[in-house]
């Protein structure tokens, strides 16, 4: 995805400052977020910089973008899927480009600051009105695109797609909240995204499988808007397999197919013989995709950890575990000439798909937990999907986080989402696509148990990370961890290892405060840990921590260890090549 950097109301409007902002934008975001173009607009002490990854209208959609008289200036990261419909609402406006983001300045002219909820897409943007030097900043509903806000000593406001754009020049910075708008006129934030589910009131709409299916298919179809080669991420789990299946059904009639060919490309990564590789291969064969399978070793992943933490900008354990294989996969995908992928993030949060939901005591607790999980996605899976792909100039789109789809799914009476005999986790989603006449997926894939990405790439991946951390963090370091890291004190050697790397890249207190903390089991919130008293003694974000639920839970692993099974061997500082088990990509078919 693109990278944006804005300095607003700076006391220095010199050429030296302009050079500094341009250099900062290029050094921090290019080439990974902006391989296709760099742009900078200055109006006095206001600077709007943009590093572009061109997906829509690569020829003329360079940024910043303007209205007709160039009084309104916008720098945007994201995609506006309903831009063609919005253009029809603006018949008296002249558009300079075919970019989907070109509608933003014109909507502001027509509707003022209240236009943001008209946008259907993923986005973060800064809009400057040079007529009075006012500005607004907004982020999409769920926080699919990353965005941070900081303040300089001179009172200037800084906006950046990544922490790296702020940590050298801001006195304080923080995460810009999803679904919010900042207005310089009011001097504060307000939430523009106000769906019914946000209050966590318990819904009562009866389950309608066809309505759910139609909503998801619409969400996928609108994300096929592209002027560049694309594909799907396919782990072989339910969510990515449904994304691939629906995409394969509808891609033929799209502009993308006319331009790049109707054969869908799918991509998977894992350790040799991992669960994901096997399942993904089977789904790809069933759907007839051109499948690209990439292998990595535990050592390949460990060698990439420092780069992953630098790009993902977190020390959260589960995010780093899952980001590393995705980071490696994104590099290979981009090398094949693909610039956009469709992915399956968000389903587990919406439908209660994580294995710890088996212990939800009632429908009220289950619904509240799904609401908490969706609200926190920008700190976890959205962060991973956005930054692990952006690190290599690749864009990830996530149809499960479509606003309309979320509204449909979160209105269902949560009794239907409860896990019970005959109702596996995410049963309502599985059942919606269980079509006997025109099946979307093989039955055993449709009803495959939830496998977290960091587990599915191969169980020895997490085991290898823990073994590596044991070599680099000693017991004395752990005894003093509370003094060294008083905020979000790491409780395991693996967490301490990641934290040390993060602090080296981002030593500011503001940086460490952007990362969430708290107890978690199998990706739960701290509140859900209370559902089972035994979990407080087994706090690990892996799905295998859901003892008595996961088919390869740690209790089974412990039994293997007692039988003499050897842990994976970790060899430090030994470079490895990532194995590639796929043919070269041929986009044109």
Protein backbone atom coordinates (compact mmCIF):
# COMPACT_ATOMS: atom_id res chain seq x y z
CA UNK A 1 0.00 0.00 0.00
CA UNK A 2 0.97 3.64 -0.31
CA UNK A 3 2.67 5.72 2.35
CA UNK A 4 1.56 9.16 3.48
CA UNK A 5 3.38 11.72 5.60
CA UNK A 6 1.98 15.15 6.49
CA UNK A 7 3.39 17.99 8.57
CA UNK A 8 0.64 20.48 9.36
CA UNK A 9 1.06 23.94 10.86
CA UNK A 10 4.84 23.82 11.03
CA UNK A 11 6.62 27.03 12.05
CA UNK A 12 9.35 26.38 9.47
CA UNK A 13 8.44 26.84 5.79
CA UNK A 14 12.03 26.96 4.54
CA UNK A 15 13.48 25.00 1.64
CA UNK A 16 15.54 23.07 4.17
CA UNK A 17 12.36 21.89 5.90
CA UNK A 18 10.85 20.88 2.56
CA UNK A 19 13.95 18.82 1.79
CA UNK A 20 13.75 17.27 5.27
CA UNK A 21 10.11 16.19 4.83
CA UNK A 22 10.78 14.79 1.36
CA UNK A 23 13.86 12.97 2.57
CA UNK A 24 11.96 11.59 5.55
CA UNK A 25 9.12 10.37 3.35
CA UNK A 26 11.45 8.70 0.87
CA UNK A 27 13.81 7.21 3.46
CA UNK A 28 11.09 5.74 5.67
CA UNK A 29 8.53 4.62 3.07
CA UNK A 30 10.38 4.14 -0.20
CA UNK A 31 10.80 1.80 -1.92
CA UNK A 32 8.51 -0.53 0.05
CA UNK A 33 5.39 1.67 0.21
CA UNK A 34 6.15 3.88 -2.74
CA UNK A 35 7.87 2.03 -5.57
CA UNK A 36 5.85 3.80 -8.28
CA UNK A 37 5.94 7.55 -7.49
CA UNK A 38 6.91 10.18 -4.92
CA UNK A 39 5.01 13.43 -4.50
CA UNK A 40 5.21 16.42 -2.15
CA UNK A 41 2.95 19.47 -1.86
CA UNK A 42 3.87 22.49 0.26
CA UNK A 43 1.67 25.40 1.26
CA UNK A 44 3.53 27.58 3.74
CA UNK A 45 4.11 25.48 6.84
CA UNK A 46 1.91 22.65 5.56
CA UNK A 47 3.53 19.65 3.85
CA UNK A 48 1.73 16.68 2.28
CA UNK A 49 4.00 13.87 1.05
CA UNK A 50 3.02 10.67 -0.71
CA UNK A 51 4.80 7.50 -1.74
CA UNK A 52 2.68 5.60 -4.26
CA UNK A 53 1.94 1.96 -4.91
CA UNK A 54 -0.20 2.27 -8.04
CA UNK A 55 -3.17 -0.13 -8.20
CA UNK A 56 -5.90 1.97 -9.88
CA UNK A 57 -5.04 4.27 -12.82
CA UNK A 58 -1.25 3.78 -12.63
CA UNK A 59 -0.72 6.24 -15.50
CA UNK A 60 -2.32 9.40 -14.11
CA UNK A 61 -3.30 8.85 -10.48
CA UNK A 62 -0.17 10.27 -8.86
CA UNK A 63 -0.59 12.16 -5.60
CA UNK A 64 -1.19 14.50 -3.90
CA UNK A 65 -4.60 14.98 -5.57
CA UNK A 66 -6.49 18.27 -6.04
CA UNK A 67 -9.91 19.68 -6.74
CA UNK A 68 -10.49 21.85 -9.84
CA UNK A 69 -8.85 25.07 -8.59
CA UNK A 70 -6.26 23.18 -6.49
CA UNK A 71 -7.47 24.82 -3.28
CA UNK A 72 -8.20 21.39 -1.75
CA UNK A 73 -5.25 19.01 -1.51
CA UNK A 74 -5.37 15.34 -0.47
CA UNK A 75 -2.84 12.62 0.18
CA UNK A 76 -4.42 9.17 0.50
CA UNK A 77 -3.43 5.61 1.24
CA UNK A 78 -6.10 3.10 0.29
CA UNK A 79 -8.84 2.12 -2.11
CA UNK A 80 -12.33 3.60 -2.51
CA UNK A 81 -14.39 0.75 -3.96
CA UNK A 82 -17.51 2.82 -4.63
CA UNK A 83 -15.72 5.70 -6.36
CA UNK A 84 -17.68 5.28 -9.59
CA UNK A 85 -21.00 5.64 -7.75
CA UNK A 86 -19.66 8.65 -5.86
CA UNK A 87 -18.60 10.34 -9.09
CA UNK A 88 -22.23 10.17 -10.22
CA UNK A 89 -23.18 12.24 -7.15
CA UNK A 90 -20.78 14.97 -8.32
CA UNK A 91 -21.97 15.85 -11.85
CA UNK A 92 -20.71 19.42 -11.65
CA UNK A 93 -17.17 18.45 -10.73
CA UNK A 94 -14.27 17.85 -13.07
CA UNK A 95 -11.93 15.00 -12.21
CA UNK A 96 -8.28 15.20 -13.18
CA UNK A 97 -7.51 11.46 -12.96
CA UNK A 98 -9.17 8.06 -13.00
CA UNK A 99 -7.90 7.33 -9.49
CA UNK A 100 -10.48 6.02 -7.06
CA UNK A 101 -9.19 8.49 -4.47
CA UNK A 102 -9.85 11.49 -6.72
CA UNK A 103 -13.41 11.75 -5.34
CA UNK A 104 -12.28 12.78 -1.84
CA UNK A 105 -11.47 16.45 -2.47
CA UNK A 106 -14.68 16.91 -4.45
CA UNK A 107 -16.82 15.24 -1.80
CA UNK A 108 -15.34 17.64 0.75
CA UNK A 109 -16.27 20.58 -1.45
CA UNK A 110 -19.82 19.31 -1.77
CA UNK A 111 -20.53 17.93 1.72
CA UNK A 112 -17.91 19.42 4.05
CA UNK A 113 -16.38 17.25 6.76
CA UNK A 114 -19.38 14.91 6.93
CA UNK A 115 -18.63 12.93 3.77
CA UNK A 116 -16.35 10.26 5.24
CA UNK A 117 -19.08 7.73 5.96
CA UNK A 118 -19.97 7.85 2.24
CA UNK A 119 -16.66 6.15 1.44
CA UNK A 120 -16.73 2.38 0.99
CA UNK A 121 -13.22 1.07 1.19
CA UNK A 122 -10.01 1.02 3.17
CA UNK A 123 -8.29 4.35 3.54
CA UNK A 124 -6.35 6.85 5.57
CA UNK A 125 -5.98 10.39 4.29
CA UNK A 126 -5.05 13.98 5.05
CA UNK A 127 -7.03 16.78 3.39
CA UNK A 128 -5.81 20.39 3.44
CA UNK A 129 -8.10 23.31 2.62
CA UNK A 130 -5.69 26.07 1.61
CA UNK A 131 -8.46 28.69 1.68
CA UNK A 132 -8.30 28.82 5.47
CA UNK A 133 -5.45 26.37 6.21
CA UNK A 134 -7.83 23.97 7.93
CA UNK A 135 -7.33 20.24 7.60
CA UNK A 136 -8.97 16.92 8.37
CA UNK A 137 -7.49 13.46 8.89
CA UNK A 138 -9.51 10.24 8.67
CA UNK A 139 -8.99 6.50 8.92
CA UNK A 140 -11.20 3.67 7.66
CA UNK A 141 -13.82 2.01 9.83
CA UNK A 142 -11.81 -0.97 11.12
CA UNK A 143 -8.26 0.31 10.67
CA UNK A 144 -7.23 -1.85 7.72
CA UNK A 145 -4.77 0.86 6.69
CA UNK A 146 -2.23 1.90 9.31
CA UNK A 147 -2.06 5.50 10.57
CA UNK A 148 -0.29 7.40 13.35
CA UNK A 149 -0.53 10.94 14.67
CA UNK A 150 2.21 12.98 16.36
CA UNK A 151 3.01 16.44 17.64
CA UNK A 152 6.15 18.51 17.22
CA UNK A 153 7.58 20.91 19.80
CA UNK A 154 6.50 23.83 17.60
CA UNK A 155 2.87 22.73 17.86
CA UNK A 156 2.77 21.12 14.43
CA UNK A 157 0.63 18.03 13.82
CA UNK A 158 2.29 15.10 12.08
CA UNK A 159 0.48 12.24 10.31
CA UNK A 160 2.20 9.10 9.05
CA UNK A 161 1.39 5.64 7.72
CA UNK A 162 4.13 4.20 9.93
CA UNK A 163 5.83 4.94 13.24
CA UNK A 164 9.08 5.36 11.35
CA UNK A 165 7.83 8.64 9.92
CA UNK A 166 7.37 10.17 13.36
CA UNK A 167 9.87 8.76 15.80
CA UNK A 168 12.71 11.16 14.91
CA UNK A 169 10.79 14.43 14.81
CA UNK A 170 7.80 14.22 17.17
CA UNK A 171 7.74 14.87 20.89
CA UNK A 172 4.82 12.48 21.24
CA UNK A 173 2.92 10.21 18.87
CA UNK A 174 0.17 7.61 19.05
CA UNK A 175 -2.04 5.36 16.99
CA UNK A 176 -4.76 7.23 15.08
CA UNK A 177 -7.99 5.42 16.04
CA UNK A 178 -9.98 3.58 13.34
CA UNK A 179 -13.32 4.99 12.29
CA UNK A 180 -12.36 8.47 13.48
CA UNK A 181 -11.86 11.90 11.95
CA UNK A 182 -9.64 14.67 13.25
CA UNK A 183 -10.65 18.24 12.41
CA UNK A 184 -8.32 21.19 12.93
CA UNK A 185 -11.40 23.41 13.20
CA UNK A 186 -12.67 21.61 16.28
CA UNK A 187 -9.20 20.62 17.44
CA UNK A 188 -10.16 17.07 18.27
CA UNK A 189 -11.18 13.58 17.21
CA UNK A 190 -14.69 12.33 16.61
CA UNK A 191 -15.92 8.90 15.63
CA UNK A 192 -17.55 8.89 12.18
CA UNK A 193 -18.17 5.12 12.15
CA UNK A 194 -21.16 4.32 14.37
CA UNK A 195 -22.64 0.90 13.49
CA UNK A 196 -25.27 -0.74 15.69
CA UNK A 197 -22.88 -3.46 16.88
CA UNK A 198 -20.43 -0.95 18.31
CA UNK A 199 -22.54 -0.54 21.46
CA UNK A 200 -22.25 -4.31 22.05
CA UNK A 201 -26.03 -4.58 22.47
CA UNK A 202 -27.12 -8.18 21.84
CA UNK A 203 -28.68 -8.51 18.34
CA UNK A 204 -31.70 -10.68 17.60
CA UNK A 205 -31.86 -11.02 13.79
CA UNK A 206 -32.55 -14.65 12.77
CA UNK A 207 -29.76 -16.39 10.88
CA UNK A 208 -30.27 -16.22 7.11
CA UNK A 209 -27.52 -18.24 5.37
CA UNK A 210 -28.31 -16.90 1.90
CA UNK A 211 -28.21 -13.28 3.08
CA UNK A 212 -24.81 -13.91 4.66
CA UNK A 213 -23.55 -15.61 1.51
CA UNK A 214 -24.74 -12.79 -0.75
CA UNK A 215 -23.17 -10.13 1.49
CA UNK A 216 -19.80 -11.87 1.37
CA UNK A 217 -19.89 -12.41 -2.38
CA UNK A 218 -20.61 -8.70 -2.86
CA UNK A 219 -17.69 -7.86 -0.58
CA UNK A 220 -15.32 -10.00 -2.66
CA UNK A 221 -16.60 -8.76 -6.03
CA UNK A 222 -16.07 -5.08 -5.21
CA UNK A 223 -12.46 -5.89 -4.27
CA UNK A 224 -11.75 -7.21 -7.78
CA UNK A 225 -11.36 -3.56 -8.87
CA UNK A 226 -7.74 -3.36 -10.07
CA UNK A 227 -5.56 -2.23 -12.97
CA UNK A 228 -2.64 -4.47 -11.97
CA UNK A 229 -2.00 -8.24 -11.66
CA UNK A 230 -3.51 -9.79 -8.51
CA UNK A 231 -4.12 -13.09 -6.74
CA UNK A 232 -5.39 -14.62 -3.51
CA UNK A 233 -3.62 -15.76 -0.36
CA UNK A 234 -4.64 -19.37 0.22
CA UNK A 235 -3.73 -21.13 3.45
CA UNK A 236 -6.24 -23.92 2.98
CA UNK A 237 -8.26 -22.82 6.01
CA UNK A 238 -11.92 -21.90 5.79
CA UNK A 239 -11.54 -18.15 5.41
CA UNK A 240 -8.88 -17.96 2.71
CA UNK A 241 -10.50 -20.89 0.89
CA UNK A 242 -13.85 -19.08 0.75
CA UNK A 243 -12.10 -15.94 -0.50
CA UNK A 244 -10.42 -17.99 -3.24
CA UNK A 245 -13.62 -19.85 -4.13
CA UNK A 246 -15.78 -16.74 -4.46
CA UNK A 247 -13.03 -14.91 -6.36
CA UNK A 248 -12.62 -17.82 -8.78
CA UNK A 249 -16.38 -17.80 -9.46
CA UNK A 250 -16.59 -14.11 -10.27
CA UNK A 251 -13.23 -13.05 -11.70
CA UNK A 252 -14.03 -13.99 -15.30
CA UNK A 253 -16.39 -11.08 -15.91
CA UNK A 254 -14.20 -8.36 -14.44
CA UNK A 255 -12.07 -5.69 -16.04
CA UNK A 256 -9.07 -7.30 -14.32
CA UNK A 257 -9.72 -10.56 -16.15
CA UNK A 258 -10.01 -8.78 -19.50
CA UNK A 259 -6.72 -7.07 -18.84
CA UNK A 260 -4.68 -9.81 -17.15
CA UNK A 261 -6.47 -13.07 -17.91
CA UNK A 262 -9.19 -15.04 -16.13
CA UNK A 263 -6.96 -17.64 -14.48
CA UNK A 264 -6.75 -16.90 -10.77
CA UNK A 265 -3.35 -17.15 -9.07
CA UNK A 266 -3.17 -18.44 -5.49
CA UNK A 267 -0.24 -18.28 -3.07
CA UNK A 268 0.65 -20.28 0.03
CA UNK A 269 3.62 -20.48 2.40
CA UNK A 270 4.65 -23.02 5.01
CA UNK A 271 7.28 -25.30 6.42
CA UNK A 272 7.81 -28.56 4.55
CA UNK A 273 4.77 -30.84 5.03
CA UNK A 274 2.88 -28.24 7.07
CA UNK A 275 -0.94 -28.46 7.47
CA UNK A 276 -1.52 -25.33 5.39
CA UNK A 277 0.50 -26.46 2.39
CA UNK A 278 -1.39 -29.72 2.08
CA UNK A 279 -4.84 -28.14 2.50
CA UNK A 280 -4.06 -25.21 0.18
CA UNK A 281 -2.85 -27.53 -2.55
CA UNK A 282 -6.08 -29.48 -2.34
CA UNK A 283 -8.24 -26.34 -2.48
CA UNK A 284 -6.24 -24.95 -5.40
CA UNK A 285 -6.70 -28.19 -7.33
CA UNK A 286 -10.42 -28.14 -6.60
CA UNK A 287 -10.84 -24.51 -7.73
CA UNK A 288 -8.44 -24.78 -10.66
CA UNK A 289 -6.22 -21.88 -9.62
CA UNK A 290 -2.64 -21.43 -10.79
CA UNK A 291 -1.09 -22.27 -7.46
CA UNK A 292 2.27 -21.08 -6.13
CA UNK A 293 3.60 -22.87 -3.08
CA UNK A 294 6.58 -21.50 -1.18
CA UNK A 295 8.53 -23.29 1.53
CA UNK A 296 10.59 -21.73 4.29
CA UNK A 297 12.67 -23.19 7.10
CA UNK A 298 12.53 -22.23 10.76
CA UNK A 299 15.95 -20.67 10.28
CA UNK A 300 14.69 -18.59 7.33
CA UNK A 301 12.00 -17.16 9.59
CA UNK A 302 14.35 -16.50 12.48
CA UNK A 303 16.76 -14.71 10.16
CA UNK A 304 13.90 -12.40 9.11
CA UNK A 305 12.64 -11.54 12.62
CA UNK A 306 14.49 -8.23 12.93
CA UNK A 307 13.24 -7.04 9.53
CA UNK A 308 9.73 -8.14 10.44
CA UNK A 309 9.70 -6.18 13.69
CA UNK A 310 11.10 -3.12 11.92
CA UNK A 311 8.35 -3.20 9.30
CA UNK A 312 5.41 -4.44 11.42
CA UNK A 313 6.29 -2.06 14.28
CA UNK A 314 5.11 -4.22 17.16
CA UNK A 315 6.42 -6.52 19.86
CA UNK A 316 3.17 -8.47 20.19
CA UNK A 317 4.06 -12.17 20.15
CA UNK A 318 1.23 -13.58 18.07
CA UNK A 319 1.51 -10.79 15.50
CA UNK A 320 5.22 -11.42 14.99
CA UNK A 321 4.73 -15.17 14.78
CA UNK A 322 2.14 -14.78 12.02
CA UNK A 323 3.76 -11.80 10.28
CA UNK A 324 7.03 -13.57 9.56
CA UNK A 325 5.76 -16.20 7.07
CA UNK A 326 3.45 -13.59 5.54
CA UNK A 327 6.43 -11.23 5.17
CA UNK A 328 8.44 -13.95 3.41
CA UNK A 329 5.50 -14.85 1.19
CA UNK A 330 4.85 -11.21 0.20
CA UNK A 331 8.40 -10.86 -1.05
CA UNK A 332 8.03 -13.86 -3.34
CA UNK A 333 4.64 -12.72 -4.61
CA UNK A 334 5.94 -9.26 -5.50
CA UNK A 335 8.91 -10.84 -7.28
CA UNK A 336 6.40 -12.60 -9.55
CA UNK A 337 4.98 -9.26 -10.70
CA UNK A 338 1.80 -9.33 -8.59
CA UNK A 339 0.85 -6.10 -6.76
CA UNK A 340 -2.44 -6.93 -5.02
CA UNK A 341 -3.79 -9.93 -3.11
CA UNK A 342 -7.12 -10.71 -1.47
CA UNK A 343 -6.89 -12.22 2.01
CA UNK A 344 -9.12 -13.72 4.72
CA UNK A 345 -8.49 -11.62 7.83
CA UNK A 346 -11.39 -10.69 10.10
CA UNK A 347 -13.61 -13.76 9.94
CA UNK A 348 -12.52 -15.23 13.28
CA UNK A 349 -13.26 -11.98 15.07
CA UNK A 350 -16.71 -11.60 13.51
CA UNK A 351 -17.88 -15.21 13.94
CA UNK A 352 -16.06 -16.28 17.10
CA UNK A 353 -13.76 -18.55 15.16
CA UNK A 354 -10.79 -18.78 17.53
CA UNK A 355 -10.72 -22.02 19.47
CA UNK A 356 -11.08 -20.33 22.84
CA UNK A 357 -14.65 -19.45 21.82
CA UNK A 358 -15.49 -23.09 22.59
CA UNK A 359 -15.51 -21.97 26.23
CA UNK A 360 -17.80 -18.95 25.77
CA UNK A 361 -20.27 -19.32 28.67
CA UNK A 362 -23.26 -17.77 26.89
CA UNK A 363 -24.27 -15.83 23.80
CA UNK A 364 -23.93 -12.47 25.55
CA UNK A 365 -20.29 -13.10 26.42
CA UNK A 366 -19.57 -14.44 22.95
CA UNK A 367 -21.05 -11.36 21.26
CA UNK A 368 -19.23 -8.93 23.53
CA UNK A 369 -15.96 -10.72 22.84
CA UNK A 370 -16.47 -10.56 19.06
CA UNK A 371 -17.11 -6.81 19.39
CA UNK A 372 -13.94 -6.37 21.43
CA UNK A 373 -11.95 -8.39 18.90
CA UNK A 374 -13.19 -6.38 15.90
CA UNK A 375 -12.43 -3.09 17.65
CA UNK A 376 -8.86 -4.26 18.31
CA UNK A 377 -8.15 -5.66 14.83
CA UNK A 378 -6.10 -2.59 13.85
CA UNK A 379 -3.53 -3.57 16.48
CA UNK A 380 -3.27 -7.19 15.41
CA UNK A 381 -4.35 -8.87 12.15
CA UNK A 382 -4.97 -5.66 10.20
CA UNK A 383 -1.57 -4.42 11.28
CA UNK A 384 0.01 -7.68 10.14
CA UNK A 385 -1.81 -7.91 6.81
CA UNK A 386 -1.16 -4.27 5.95
CA UNK A 387 2.49 -3.99 6.96
CA UNK A 388 3.77 -7.49 6.13
CA UNK A 389 2.60 -6.99 2.54
CA UNK A 390 3.44 -3.28 2.28
CA UNK A 391 7.00 -4.11 3.26
CA UNK A 392 7.43 -5.45 -0.29
CA UNK A 393 5.14 -3.12 -2.24
CA UNK A 394 2.14 -5.44 -2.14
CA UNK A 395 -1.45 -4.51 -1.27
CA UNK A 396 -3.76 -6.80 0.74
CA UNK A 397 -7.55 -6.48 0.56
CA UNK A 398 -9.81 -8.04 3.18
CA UNK A 399 -13.46 -8.69 2.17
CA UNK A 400 -14.50 -10.04 5.58
CA UNK A 401 -13.98 -6.50 6.90
CA UNK A 402 -16.34 -4.94 4.40
CA UNK A 403 -18.65 -2.53 6.27
CA UNK A 404 -21.84 -3.95 4.78
CA UNK A 405 -20.77 -7.53 5.42
CA UNK A 406 -19.91 -6.76 9.04
CA UNK A 407 -23.33 -5.18 9.51
CA UNK A 408 -25.05 -8.34 8.25
CA UNK A 409 -22.85 -10.75 10.22
CA UNK A 410 -22.93 -8.81 13.49
CA UNK A 411 -26.73 -8.48 13.40
CA UNK A 412 -27.18 -12.26 13.66
CA UNK A 413 -28.48 -13.49 17.00
CA UNK A 414 -25.22 -14.73 18.61
CA UNK A 415 -26.93 -17.90 19.80
CA UNK A 416 -26.27 -19.12 16.24
CA UNK A 417 -22.52 -18.50 16.71
CA UNK A 418 -22.30 -20.54 19.92
CA UNK A 419 -20.11 -23.65 19.56
CA UNK A 420 -21.95 -26.81 20.60
CA UNK A 421 -22.42 -30.40 19.42
CA UNK A 422 -23.04 -30.28 15.68
CA UNK A 423 -21.97 -26.63 15.48
CA UNK A 424 -18.21 -26.29 14.95
CA UNK A 425 -16.65 -22.83 15.29
CA UNK A 426 -17.88 -20.44 12.53
CA UNK A 427 -20.73 -22.83 11.77
CA UNK A 428 -22.93 -20.01 10.46
CA UNK A 429 -20.31 -19.12 7.84
CA UNK A 430 -19.64 -22.73 6.89
CA UNK A 431 -23.34 -23.48 6.56
CA UNK A 432 -23.90 -20.39 4.38
CA UNK A 433 -21.53 -21.86 1.77
CA UNK A 434 -22.54 -25.49 2.16
CA UNK A 435 -24.19 -25.74 -1.25
CA UNK A 436 -24.84 -29.34 -2.30
CA UNK A 437 -25.82 -28.43 -5.86
CA UNK A 438 -22.97 -26.00 -6.61
CA UNK A 439 -20.38 -26.65 -3.90
CA UNK A 440 -17.92 -23.89 -3.09
CA UNK A 441 -15.41 -26.19 -1.37
CA UNK A 442 -14.88 -29.87 -0.52
CA UNK A 443 -16.80 -30.76 2.66
CA UNK A 444 -13.74 -31.59 4.75
CA UNK A 445 -12.18 -28.22 3.88
CA UNK A 446 -15.43 -26.38 4.56
CA UNK A 447 -15.50 -28.02 8.01
CA UNK A 448 -11.76 -28.03 8.75
CA UNK A 449 -10.90 -27.04 12.34
CA UNK A 450 -9.64 -23.51 12.88
CA UNK A 451 -5.86 -23.26 12.48
CA UNK A 452 -4.17 -19.96 13.31
CA UNK A 453 -1.81 -18.85 10.54
CA UNK A 454 1.25 -18.99 12.80
CA UNK A 455 0.34 -22.62 13.63
CA UNK A 456 -0.85 -23.71 10.20
CA UNK A 457 2.45 -22.88 8.48
CA UNK A 458 3.96 -25.67 10.60
CA UNK A 459 3.87 -26.34 14.34
CA UNK A 460 7.66 -26.42 14.58
CA UNK A 461 7.69 -22.74 13.57
CA UNK A 462 6.49 -21.56 16.99
CA UNK A 463 8.46 -24.25 18.77
CA UNK A 464 11.57 -23.10 16.91
CA UNK A 465 10.99 -19.47 17.87
CA UNK A 466 10.74 -20.42 21.52
CA UNK A 467 13.92 -22.47 21.30
CA UNK A 468 15.73 -19.57 19.64
CA UNK A 469 14.60 -17.14 22.34
CA UNK A 470 15.93 -19.53 25.00
CA UNK A 471 19.39 -19.08 23.51
CA UNK A 472 19.26 -15.28 23.68
CA UNK A 473 17.33 -14.47 26.86
CA UNK A 474 18.64 -15.83 30.16
CA UNK A 475 16.83 -16.33 33.45
CA UNK A 476 18.37 -13.25 35.03
CA UNK A 477 17.01 -11.06 32.23
CA UNK A 478 13.56 -12.45 32.89
CA UNK A 479 13.86 -11.87 36.63
CA UNK A 480 14.55 -8.19 35.96
CA UNK A 481 12.14 -7.78 33.04
CA UNK A 482 9.73 -5.73 35.16
CA UNK A 483 12.46 -3.16 35.82
CA UNK A 484 13.75 -3.11 32.25
CA UNK A 485 10.29 -3.04 30.66
CA UNK A 486 7.83 -1.66 33.24
CA UNK A 487 5.13 -1.17 30.58
CA UNK A 488 3.74 -4.39 29.08
CA UNK A 489 6.38 -6.42 30.90
CA UNK A 490 7.21 -9.54 28.88
CA UNK A 491 6.37 -12.77 30.70
CA UNK A 492 8.16 -15.22 28.40
CA UNK A 493 11.61 -15.34 26.88
CA UNK A 494 10.12 -15.18 23.40
CA UNK A 495 8.25 -11.98 24.28
CA UNK A 496 11.38 -10.52 25.87
CA UNK A 497 13.44 -11.30 22.77
CA UNK A 498 10.99 -9.46 20.50
CA UNK A 499 10.78 -6.56 22.92
CA UNK A 500 14.54 -6.04 22.92
CA UNK A 501 14.58 -5.84 19.13
CA UNK A 502 11.61 -3.45 19.07
CA UNK A 503 13.20 -1.12 21.63
CA UNK A 504 16.35 -0.95 19.55
CA UNK A 505 14.38 0.30 16.54
CA UNK A 506 11.79 2.35 18.45
CA UNK A 507 13.21 3.50 21.80
CA UNK A 508 10.64 6.24 22.45
CA UNK A 509 8.04 5.74 25.15
CA UNK A 510 5.36 6.76 22.63
CA UNK A 511 6.31 3.81 20.44
CA UNK A 512 5.97 1.17 23.14
CA UNK A 513 2.57 2.59 24.13
CA UNK A 514 1.17 1.88 20.64
CA UNK A 515 1.43 -1.88 21.23
CA UNK A 516 -1.39 -3.62 23.13
CA UNK A 517 -0.77 -5.88 26.11
CA UNK A 518 -2.62 -8.03 28.59
CA UNK A 519 -3.16 -11.73 29.18
CA UNK A 520 -4.22 -13.86 26.21
CA UNK A 521 -4.81 -17.51 25.43
CA UNK A 522 -5.23 -18.66 21.82
CA UNK A 523 -5.60 -14.99 20.73
CA UNK A 524 -8.29 -14.11 23.29
CA UNK A 525 -8.73 -10.74 24.95
CA UNK A 526 -7.80 -10.51 28.63
CA UNK A 527 -11.50 -10.56 29.52
CA UNK A 528 -12.08 -13.92 27.82
CA UNK A 529 -9.23 -15.55 29.79
CA UNK A 530 -11.73 -15.55 32.68
CA UNK A 531 -13.88 -18.12 30.83
CA UNK A 532 -11.66 -21.01 31.97
CA UNK A 533 -9.70 -20.98 35.23
CA UNK A 534 -7.03 -23.30 33.79
CA UNK A 535 -6.09 -20.77 31.09
CA UNK A 536 -4.38 -18.40 33.52
CA UNK A 537 -1.63 -21.02 33.87
CA UNK A 538 -1.25 -21.51 30.12
CA UNK A 539 -1.13 -18.01 28.62
CA UNK A 540 0.06 -18.41 25.04
CA UNK A 541 -1.48 -16.87 21.90
CA UNK A 542 -1.13 -20.09 19.88
CA UNK A 543 -4.33 -21.96 19.08
CA UNK A 544 -2.66 -25.01 20.60
CA UNK A 545 -2.99 -23.32 23.99
CA UNK A 546 -6.72 -24.10 23.80
CA UNK A 547 -6.25 -27.30 25.78
CA UNK A 548 -8.93 -29.90 25.21
CA UNK A 549 -10.05 -28.16 21.99
CA UNK A 550 -7.22 -28.08 19.43
CA UNK A 551 -6.50 -31.46 17.89
CA UNK A 552 -2.75 -30.87 18.37
CA UNK A 553 -2.96 -28.96 21.66
CA UNK A 554 0.10 -28.47 23.83
CA UNK A 555 -1.07 -31.27 26.11
CA UNK A 556 -0.59 -33.70 23.20
CA UNK A 557 2.72 -32.04 22.36
CA UNK A 558 3.86 -32.51 25.95
CA UNK A 559 3.09 -36.20 25.68
CA UNK A 560 5.25 -36.41 22.55
CA UNK A 561 8.09 -34.63 24.33
CA UNK A 562 7.94 -37.04 27.25
CA UNK A 563 8.22 -39.85 24.73
CA UNK A 564 11.54 -38.45 23.59
CA UNK A 565 10.65 -36.34 20.53
CA UNK A 566 13.49 -33.90 19.80
CA UNK A 567 12.93 -30.14 19.45
CA UNK A 568 13.86 -28.44 16.17
CA UNK A 569 17.53 -27.60 15.75
CA UNK A 570 18.29 -23.89 15.52
CA UNK A 571 21.59 -22.84 13.98
CA UNK A 572 22.39 -19.17 14.56
CA UNK A 573 23.79 -16.92 11.84
CA UNK A 574 23.53 -19.52 9.10
CA UNK A 575 22.05 -17.98 5.95
CA UNK A 576 19.39 -20.06 4.23
CA UNK A 577 17.56 -19.66 0.97
CA UNK A 578 13.78 -19.87 1.02
CA UNK A 579 12.78 -22.88 -1.05
CA UNK A 580 10.34 -22.27 -3.83
CA UNK A 581 7.95 -25.02 -4.78
CA UNK A 582 6.13 -23.15 -7.55
CA UNK A 583 6.58 -22.43 -11.21
CA UNK A 584 7.17 -18.92 -12.52
CA UNK A 585 4.08 -16.79 -12.78
CA UNK A 586 2.54 -16.04 -16.16
CA UNK A 587 -0.10 -13.39 -15.59
CA UNK A 588 -1.40 -13.21 -19.15
CA UNK A 589 -3.43 -16.29 -20.01
